[in-house]
Amino acid sequence: MANLSELELQNLRHLIGGYDTTHCKMKEYASESTDPKIKQFFEKGAKSAMDNKNQLMKFLQ
């Protein structure tokens, strides 16, 4: 793990939590969608949020 300050760790925690929340919401919206284009939009958003979360998690290794 890189030497991160307490503020940087707090910011990472905040960003990771936000992306996790976004991922969960987008997956739920996709599951409730009946229009294929809207469903695809939310699925892409969920994937993007998870990808971003995973990228940020690498800073904690």
PDB file of N, CA and C in Angstrom:
ATOM      1  N   MET A   1       0.849  -1.184   0.000  1.00  0.00           N
ATOM      2  CA  MET A   1       0.000   0.000   0.000  1.00  0.00           C
ATOM      3  C   MET A   1       0.890   1.241   0.000  1.00  0.00           C
ATOM      4  N   ALA A   2       0.523   2.207  -0.795  1.00  0.00           N
ATOM      5  CA  ALA A   2       1.254   3.466  -0.825  1.00  0.00           C
ATOM      6  C   ALA A   2       1.058   4.183   0.505  1.00  0.00           C
ATOM      7  N   ASN A   3       1.956   5.062   0.813  1.00  0.00           N
ATOM      8  CA  ASN A   3       1.820   5.840   2.042  1.00  0.00           C
ATOM      9  C   ASN A   3       0.762   6.918   1.828  1.00  0.00           C
ATOM     10  N   LEU A   4      -0.428   6.651   2.308  1.00  0.00           N
ATOM     11  CA  LEU A   4      -1.532   7.579   2.144  1.00  0.00           C
ATOM     12  C   LEU A   4      -1.785   8.291   3.465  1.00  0.00           C
ATOM     13  N   SER A   5      -2.124   9.549   3.374  1.00  0.00           N
ATOM     14  CA  SER A   5      -2.456  10.299   4.577  1.00  0.00           C
ATOM     15  C   SER A   5      -3.855   9.889   5.047  1.00  0.00           C
ATOM     16  N   GLU A   6      -4.174  10.289   6.248  1.00  0.00           N
ATOM     17  CA  GLU A   6      -5.503   9.982   6.787  1.00  0.00           C
ATOM     18  C   GLU A   6      -6.593  10.620   5.930  1.00  0.00           C
ATOM     19  N   LEU A   7      -6.351  11.834   5.461  1.00  0.00           N
ATOM     20  CA  LEU A   7      -7.319  12.517   4.606  1.00  0.00           C
ATOM     21  C   LEU A   7      -7.516  11.759   3.293  1.00  0.00           C
ATOM     22  N   GLU A   8      -6.415  11.288   2.701  1.00  0.00           N
ATOM     23  CA  GLU A   8      -6.511  10.524   1.464  1.00  0.00           C
ATOM     24  C   GLU A   8      -7.283   9.228   1.678  1.00  0.00           C
ATOM     25  N   LEU A   9      -7.058   8.562   2.802  1.00  0.00           N
ATOM     26  CA  LEU A   9      -7.809   7.339   3.108  1.00  0.00           C
ATOM     27  C   LEU A   9      -9.294   7.635   3.293  1.00  0.00           C
ATOM     28  N   GLN A  10      -9.610   8.740   3.957  1.00  0.00           N
ATOM     29  CA  GLN A  10     -11.014   9.119   4.129  1.00  0.00           C
ATOM     30  C   GLN A  10     -11.662   9.415   2.779  1.00  0.00           C
ATOM     31  N   ASN A  11     -10.928  10.103   1.917  1.00  0.00           N
ATOM     32  CA  ASN A  11     -11.459  10.401   0.577  1.00  0.00           C
ATOM     33  C   ASN A  11     -11.683   9.121  -0.224  1.00  0.00           C
ATOM     34  N   LEU A  12     -10.736   8.197  -0.153  1.00  0.00           N
ATOM     35  CA  LEU A  12     -10.904   6.911  -0.839  1.00  0.00           C
ATOM     36  C   LEU A  12     -12.128   6.174  -0.314  1.00  0.00           C
ATOM     37  N   ARG A  13     -12.275   6.137   0.996  1.00  0.00           N
ATOM     38  CA  ARG A  13     -13.424   5.460   1.607  1.00  0.00           C
ATOM     39  C   ARG A  13     -14.725   6.080   1.110  1.00  0.00           C
ATOM     40  N   HIS A  14     -14.755   7.394   1.053  1.00  0.00           N
ATOM     41  CA  HIS A  14     -15.952   8.097   0.591  1.00  0.00           C
ATOM     42  C   HIS A  14     -16.247   7.771  -0.882  1.00  0.00           C
ATOM     43  N   LEU A  15     -15.227   7.825  -1.729  1.00  0.00           N
ATOM     44  CA  LEU A  15     -15.410   7.540  -3.150  1.00  0.00           C
ATOM     45  C   LEU A  15     -15.807   6.082  -3.388  1.00  0.00           C
ATOM     46  N   ILE A  16     -15.132   5.167  -2.708  1.00  0.00           N
ATOM     47  CA  ILE A  16     -15.443   3.739  -2.866  1.00  0.00           C
ATOM     48  C   ILE A  16     -16.875   3.459  -2.430  1.00  0.00           C
ATOM     49  N   GLY A  17     -17.272   4.038  -1.312  1.00  0.00           N
ATOM     50  CA  GLY A  17     -18.647   3.861  -0.839  1.00  0.00           C
ATOM     51  C   GLY A  17     -19.667   4.417  -1.819  1.00  0.00           C
ATOM     52  N   GLY A  18     -19.335   5.567  -2.406  1.00  0.00           N
ATOM     53  CA  GLY A  18     -20.245   6.171  -3.388  1.00  0.00           C
ATOM     54  C   GLY A  18     -20.403   5.318  -4.627  1.00  0.00           C
ATOM     55  N   TYR A  19     -19.283   4.786  -5.114  1.00  0.00           N
ATOM     56  CA  TYR A  19     -19.362   3.916  -6.294  1.00  0.00           C
ATOM     57  C   TYR A  19     -20.097   2.618  -5.975  1.00  0.00           C
ATOM     58  N   ASP A  20     -19.920   2.112  -4.765  1.00  0.00           N
ATOM     59  CA  ASP A  20     -20.630   0.894  -4.375  1.00  0.00           C
ATOM     60  C   ASP A  20     -22.137   1.140  -4.338  1.00  0.00           C
ATOM     61  N   THR A  21     -22.527   2.266  -3.772  1.00  0.00           N
ATOM     62  CA  THR A  21     -23.942   2.633  -3.720  1.00  0.00           C
ATOM     63  C   THR A  21     -24.505   2.812  -5.129  1.00  0.00           C
ATOM     64  N   THR A  22     -23.760   3.495  -5.972  1.00  0.00           N
ATOM     65  CA  THR A  22     -24.193   3.712  -7.355  1.00  0.00           C
ATOM     66  C   THR A  22     -24.362   2.384  -8.078  1.00  0.00           C
ATOM     67  N   HIS A  23     -23.402   1.479  -7.891  1.00  0.00           N
ATOM     68  CA  HIS A  23     -23.478   0.161  -8.522  1.00  0.00           C
ATOM     69  C   HIS A  23     -24.762  -0.557  -8.106  1.00  0.00           C
ATOM     70  N   CYS A  24     -25.040  -0.571  -6.808  1.00  0.00           N
ATOM     71  CA  CYS A  24     -26.238  -1.260  -6.309  1.00  0.00           C
ATOM     72  C   CYS A  24     -27.515  -0.641  -6.863  1.00  0.00           C
ATOM     73  N   LYS A  25     -27.577   0.676  -6.886  1.00  0.00           N
ATOM     74  CA  LYS A  25     -28.772   1.351  -7.396  1.00  0.00           C
ATOM     75  C   LYS A  25     -28.970   1.096  -8.884  1.00  0.00           C
ATOM     76  N   MET A  26     -27.884   1.193  -9.645  1.00  0.00           N
ATOM     77  CA  MET A  26     -27.988   0.980 -11.087  1.00  0.00           C
ATOM     78  C   MET A  26     -28.421  -0.455 -11.408  1.00  0.00           C
ATOM     79  N   LYS A  27     -27.899  -1.423 -10.664  1.00  0.00           N
ATOM     80  CA  LYS A  27     -28.315  -2.814 -10.881  1.00  0.00           C
ATOM     81  C   LYS A  27     -29.800  -2.981 -10.574  1.00  0.00           C
ATOM     82  N   GLU A  28     -30.265  -2.335  -9.515  1.00  0.00           N
ATOM     83  CA  GLU A  28     -31.682  -2.420  -9.153  1.00  0.00           C
ATOM     84  C   GLU A  28     -32.539  -1.756 -10.226  1.00  0.00           C
ATOM     85  N   TYR A  29     -32.124  -0.581 -10.681  1.00  0.00           N
ATOM     86  CA  TYR A  29     -32.876   0.102 -11.733  1.00  0.00           C
ATOM     87  C   TYR A  29     -32.919  -0.756 -12.994  1.00  0.00           C
ATOM     88  N   ALA A  30     -31.794  -1.397 -13.329  1.00  0.00           N
ATOM     89  CA  ALA A  30     -31.753  -2.255 -14.522  1.00  0.00           C
ATOM     90  C   ALA A  30     -32.700  -3.432 -14.367  1.00  0.00           C
ATOM     91  N   SER A  31     -32.745  -4.000 -13.179  1.00  0.00           N
ATOM     92  CA  SER A  31     -33.610  -5.170 -12.975  1.00  0.00           C
ATOM     93  C   SER A  31     -35.088  -4.799 -13.052  1.00  0.00           C
ATOM     94  N   GLU A  32     -35.409  -3.545 -12.753  1.00  0.00           N
ATOM     95  CA  GLU A  32     -36.801  -3.096 -12.786  1.00  0.00           C
ATOM     96  C   GLU A  32     -37.214  -2.555 -14.154  1.00  0.00           C
ATOM     97  N   SER A  33     -36.244  -2.332 -15.032  1.00  0.00           N
ATOM     98  CA  SER A  33     -36.535  -1.742 -16.347  1.00  0.00           C
ATOM     99  C   SER A  33     -37.143  -2.768 -17.288  1.00  0.00           C
ATOM    100  N   THR A  34     -38.108  -2.306 -18.054  1.00  0.00           N
ATOM    101  CA  THR A  34     -38.720  -3.174 -19.065  1.00  0.00           C
ATOM    102  C   THR A  34     -38.221  -2.813 -20.469  1.00  0.00           C
ATOM    103  N   ASP A  35     -37.844  -1.564 -20.659  1.00  0.00           N
ATOM    104  CA  ASP A  35     -37.313  -1.119 -21.948  1.00  0.00           C
ATOM    105  C   ASP A  35     -35.862  -1.596 -22.070  1.00  0.00           C
ATOM    106  N   PRO A  36     -35.537  -2.336 -23.138  1.00  0.00           N
ATOM    107  CA  PRO A  36     -34.183  -2.876 -23.290  1.00  0.00           C
ATOM    108  C   PRO A  36     -33.082  -1.816 -23.324  1.00  0.00           C
ATOM    109  N   LYS A  37     -33.369  -0.669 -23.935  1.00  0.00           N
ATOM    110  CA  LYS A  37     -32.350   0.380 -24.012  1.00  0.00           C
ATOM    111  C   LYS A  37     -32.086   0.990 -22.637  1.00  0.00           C
ATOM    112  N   ILE A  38     -33.127   1.179 -21.877  1.00  0.00           N
ATOM    113  CA  ILE A  38     -32.963   1.725 -20.526  1.00  0.00           C
ATOM    114  C   ILE A  38     -32.265   0.706 -19.644  1.00  0.00           C
ATOM    115  N   LYS A  39     -32.646  -0.551 -19.786  1.00  0.00           N
ATOM    116  CA  LYS A  39     -32.001  -1.623 -19.024  1.00  0.00           C
ATOM    117  C   LYS A  39     -30.500  -1.656 -19.323  1.00  0.00           C
ATOM    118  N   GLN A  40     -30.141  -1.569 -20.610  1.00  0.00           N
ATOM    119  CA  GLN A  40     -28.737  -1.573 -21.016  1.00  0.00           C
ATOM    120  C   GLN A  40     -28.003  -0.352 -20.458  1.00  0.00           C
ATOM    121  N   PHE A  41     -28.659   0.802 -20.465  1.00  0.00           N
ATOM    122  CA  PHE A  41     -28.066   2.020 -19.923  1.00  0.00           C
ATOM    123  C   PHE A  41     -27.683   1.826 -18.458  1.00  0.00           C
ATOM    124  N   PHE A  42     -28.609   1.287 -17.662  1.00  0.00           N
ATOM    125  CA  PHE A  42     -28.335   1.094 -16.241  1.00  0.00           C
ATOM    126  C   PHE A  42     -27.307  -0.014 -16.006  1.00  0.00           C
ATOM    127  N   GLU A  43     -27.329  -1.044 -16.836  1.00  0.00           N
ATOM    128  CA  GLU A  43     -26.323  -2.106 -16.701  1.00  0.00           C
ATOM    129  C   GLU A  43     -24.925  -1.570 -16.984  1.00  0.00           C
ATOM    130  N   LYS A  44     -24.797  -0.711 -17.995  1.00  0.00           N
ATOM    131  CA  LYS A  44     -23.501  -0.098 -18.299  1.00  0.00           C
ATOM    132  C   LYS A  44     -23.058   0.802 -17.149  1.00  0.00           C
ATOM    133  N   GLY A  45     -24.009   1.538 -16.584  1.00  0.00           N
ATOM    134  CA  GLY A  45     -23.695   2.400 -15.445  1.00  0.00           C
ATOM    135  C   GLY A  45     -23.230   1.597 -14.247  1.00  0.00           C
ATOM    136  N   ALA A  46     -23.884   0.460 -13.996  1.00  0.00           N
ATOM    137  CA  ALA A  46     -23.500  -0.408 -12.880  1.00  0.00           C
ATOM    138  C   ALA A  46     -22.100  -0.962 -13.092  1.00  0.00           C
ATOM    139  N   LYS A  47     -21.810  -1.379 -14.309  1.00  0.00           N
ATOM    140  CA  LYS A  47     -20.476  -1.913 -14.607  1.00  0.00           C
ATOM    141  C   LYS A  47     -19.411  -0.835 -14.445  1.00  0.00           C
ATOM    142  N   SER A  48     -19.698   0.346 -14.928  1.00  0.00           N
ATOM    143  CA  SER A  48     -18.752   1.451 -14.820  1.00  0.00           C
ATOM    144  C   SER A  48     -18.473   1.785 -13.354  1.00  0.00           C
ATOM    145  N   ALA A  49     -19.508   1.817 -12.540  1.00  0.00           N
ATOM    146  CA  ALA A  49     -19.330   2.114 -11.120  1.00  0.00           C
ATOM    147  C   ALA A  49     -18.481   1.040 -10.448  1.00  0.00           C
ATOM    148  N   MET A  50     -18.708  -0.229 -10.786  1.00  0.00           N
ATOM    149  CA  MET A  50     -17.922  -1.313 -10.192  1.00  0.00           C
ATOM    150  C   MET A  50     -16.471  -1.242 -10.668  1.00  0.00           C
ATOM    151  N   ASP A  51     -16.260  -0.931 -11.932  1.00  0.00           N
ATOM    152  CA  ASP A  51     -14.900  -0.791 -12.447  1.00  0.00           C
ATOM    153  C   ASP A  51     -14.158   0.330 -11.718  1.00  0.00           C
ATOM    154  N   ASN A  52     -14.840   1.454 -11.520  1.00  0.00           N
ATOM    155  CA  ASN A  52     -14.220   2.576 -10.813  1.00  0.00           C
ATOM    156  C   ASN A  52     -13.906   2.208  -9.367  1.00  0.00           C
ATOM    157  N   LYS A  53     -14.828   1.524  -8.724  1.00  0.00           N
ATOM    158  CA  LYS A  53     -14.605   1.088  -7.339  1.00  0.00           C
ATOM    159  C   LYS A  53     -13.380   0.177  -7.265  1.00  0.00           C
ATOM    160  N   ASN A  54     -13.293  -0.776  -8.188  1.00  0.00           N
ATOM    161  CA  ASN A  54     -12.161  -1.707  -8.178  1.00  0.00           C
ATOM    162  C   ASN A  54     -10.838  -0.986  -8.430  1.00  0.00           C
ATOM    163  N   GLN A  55     -10.850   0.015  -9.305  1.00  0.00           N
ATOM    164  CA  GLN A  55      -9.627   0.794  -9.545  1.00  0.00           C
ATOM    165  C   GLN A  55      -9.186   1.505  -8.262  1.00  0.00           C
ATOM    166  N   LEU A  56     -10.132   2.072  -7.539  1.00  0.00           N
ATOM    167  CA  LEU A  56      -9.795   2.774  -6.297  1.00  0.00           C
ATOM    168  C   LEU A  56      -9.326   1.805  -5.213  1.00  0.00           C
ATOM    169  N   MET A  57      -9.885   0.600  -5.204  1.00  0.00           N
ATOM    170  CA  MET A  57      -9.498  -0.387  -4.205  1.00  0.00           C
ATOM    171  C   MET A  57      -8.023  -0.779  -4.346  1.00  0.00           C
ATOM    172  N   LYS A  58      -7.480  -0.649  -5.547  1.00  0.00           N
ATOM    173  CA  LYS A  58      -6.079  -0.992  -5.779  1.00  0.00           C
ATOM    174  C   LYS A  58      -5.145  -0.103  -4.955  1.00  0.00           C
ATOM    175  N   PHE A  59      -5.592   1.099  -4.609  1.00  0.00           N
ATOM    176  CA  PHE A  59      -4.769   1.984  -3.790  1.00  0.00           C
ATOM    177  C   PHE A  59      -4.631   1.457  -2.364  1.00  0.00           C
ATOM    178  N   LEU A  60      -5.493   0.545  -1.974  1.00  0.00           N
ATOM    179  CA  LEU A  60      -5.477   0.031  -0.606  1.00  0.00           C
ATOM    180  C   LEU A  60      -4.677  -1.258  -0.486  1.00  0.00           C
ATOM    181  N   GLN A  61      -4.133  -1.742  -1.581  1.00  0.00           N
ATOM    182  CA  GLN A  61      -3.352  -2.985  -1.541  1.00  0.00           C
ATOM    183  C   GLN A  61      -1.900  -2.712  -1.286  1.00  0.00           C
TER     184      GLN A  61
END
